[in-house]
């Protein structure tokens, strides 16, 4: 049966090696698959992306964003399509984790590296 009646998230990332002072960009694409197997855009009610710095500190991006000073905004570009950028300020390996609908939806994990430019 495969993907029928399931939902997926694809995290597209740009750059796996970055310099400090820049930002890491991510696009989240949510799709559901009907009984005919055709994909269609779907919007989750809650998205959280947790970035873990090499030092262990965390940066959290959320949708919907409500102006919290300690969170970054995930922006809805169109149905099923979200974007975000996180500033990178530490050299080393960063990890990220997408959590959808408080763990009740699809998730994805990955990592990228920030390297010294000198």
Protein backbone atom coordinates (compact mmCIF):
# COMPACT_ATOMS: atom_id res chain seq x y z
CA UNK A 1 0.00 0.00 0.00
CA UNK A 2 2.95 2.33 0.48
CA UNK A 3 2.18 6.05 0.77
CA UNK A 4 -1.61 5.94 0.60
CA UNK A 5 -3.33 8.10 3.20
CA UNK A 6 -0.04 9.15 4.77
CA UNK A 7 1.60 12.53 5.25
CA UNK A 8 5.26 13.37 4.68
CA UNK A 9 7.58 16.29 5.19
CA UNK A 10 10.60 16.95 3.01
CA UNK A 11 13.20 19.32 4.41
CA UNK A 12 15.26 20.97 1.69
CA UNK A 13 18.41 22.58 3.01
CA UNK A 14 20.85 24.89 1.29
CA UNK A 15 24.51 24.51 2.17
CA UNK A 16 26.01 21.85 4.40
CA UNK A 17 29.17 23.84 5.12
CA UNK A 18 28.68 27.44 6.18
CA UNK A 19 30.75 30.27 7.63
CA UNK A 20 29.95 31.87 11.00
CA UNK A 21 27.85 34.99 10.73
CA UNK A 22 25.73 33.61 7.92
CA UNK A 23 22.45 31.75 8.05
CA UNK A 24 21.20 28.25 7.36
CA UNK A 25 18.14 28.20 5.09
CA UNK A 26 15.50 25.48 5.09
CA UNK A 27 12.32 24.80 3.12
CA UNK A 28 9.70 22.42 4.54
CA UNK A 29 7.29 20.83 2.08
CA UNK A 30 4.29 18.94 3.50
CA UNK A 31 2.34 16.49 1.33
CA UNK A 32 -0.42 14.00 1.94
CA UNK A 33 -1.26 11.11 -0.37
CA UNK A 34 -4.82 10.10 -1.12
CA UNK A 35 -6.23 6.66 -2.00
CA UNK A 36 -5.24 7.24 -5.63
CA UNK A 37 -1.62 7.85 -4.57
CA UNK A 38 -1.60 11.44 -5.80
CA UNK A 39 0.16 13.99 -3.58
CA UNK A 40 -1.47 17.22 -2.44
CA UNK A 41 -0.28 20.01 -0.18
CA UNK A 42 -1.29 19.81 3.47
CA UNK A 43 -0.83 22.32 6.29
CA UNK A 44 0.12 21.11 9.77
CA UNK A 45 -1.27 22.99 12.76
CA UNK A 46 2.13 23.24 14.49
CA UNK A 47 5.73 23.06 13.26
CA UNK A 48 8.81 23.23 15.46
CA UNK A 49 12.38 22.99 14.23
CA UNK A 50 15.00 22.56 16.95
CA UNK A 51 18.59 23.47 16.06
CA UNK A 52 21.27 22.18 18.44
CA UNK A 53 24.53 24.10 18.41
CA UNK A 54 27.92 22.41 18.82
CA UNK A 55 28.05 23.77 22.40
CA UNK A 56 24.69 22.15 23.21
CA UNK A 57 22.62 25.34 23.15
CA UNK A 58 19.42 25.35 21.15
CA UNK A 59 17.58 27.65 18.78
CA UNK A 60 13.90 26.91 18.17
CA UNK A 61 11.84 28.06 15.17
CA UNK A 62 8.04 27.72 15.25
CA UNK A 63 4.89 27.99 13.16
CA UNK A 64 2.59 29.63 13.89
CA UNK A 65 4.82 32.34 15.29
CA UNK A 66 3.34 34.49 18.05
CA UNK A 67 6.14 36.99 18.56
CA UNK A 68 8.02 35.09 21.27
CA UNK A 69 11.40 36.78 21.70
CA UNK A 70 13.25 33.50 22.21
CA UNK A 71 11.87 31.83 19.03
CA UNK A 72 12.45 32.26 15.31
CA UNK A 73 9.61 32.46 12.82
CA UNK A 74 8.77 29.76 10.30
CA UNK A 75 7.00 31.49 7.40
CA UNK A 76 4.17 29.92 5.40
CA UNK A 77 4.92 30.69 1.74
CA UNK A 78 1.87 28.84 0.35
CA UNK A 79 -0.17 25.72 1.16
CA UNK A 80 2.14 23.01 2.46
CA UNK A 81 5.28 25.09 1.90
CA UNK A 82 7.23 26.79 4.73
CA UNK A 83 10.59 28.56 4.95
CA UNK A 84 12.99 29.56 7.69
CA UNK A 85 16.53 30.77 8.23
CA UNK A 86 18.60 30.41 11.38
CA UNK A 87 21.68 32.56 12.07
CA UNK A 88 24.81 30.50 12.66
CA UNK A 89 27.24 31.81 15.25
CA UNK A 90 29.30 28.78 16.33
CA UNK A 91 31.90 26.74 14.47
CA UNK A 92 31.26 22.99 14.48
CA UNK A 93 28.55 20.46 13.65
CA UNK A 94 24.96 21.64 14.11
CA UNK A 95 21.99 19.27 14.25
CA UNK A 96 18.35 19.97 13.46
CA UNK A 97 15.08 18.16 14.03
CA UNK A 98 11.65 18.90 12.53
CA UNK A 99 8.73 18.12 14.87
CA UNK A 100 5.24 18.36 13.40
CA UNK A 101 1.99 18.61 15.40
CA UNK A 102 3.81 18.04 18.72
CA UNK A 103 5.22 14.71 17.50
CA UNK A 104 1.94 13.49 16.00
CA UNK A 105 3.01 14.28 12.44
CA UNK A 106 5.96 13.56 10.19
CA UNK A 107 9.45 14.56 11.27
CA UNK A 108 12.91 14.71 9.83
CA UNK A 109 16.44 15.16 11.19
CA UNK A 110 19.71 16.36 9.73
CA UNK A 111 22.90 18.27 10.32
CA UNK A 112 25.22 20.83 8.82
CA UNK A 113 28.67 22.19 9.59
CA UNK A 114 29.89 25.70 10.30
CA UNK A 115 33.57 26.09 9.46
CA UNK A 116 36.09 28.80 10.30
CA UNK A 117 36.96 31.00 7.34
CA UNK A 118 40.52 31.69 8.48
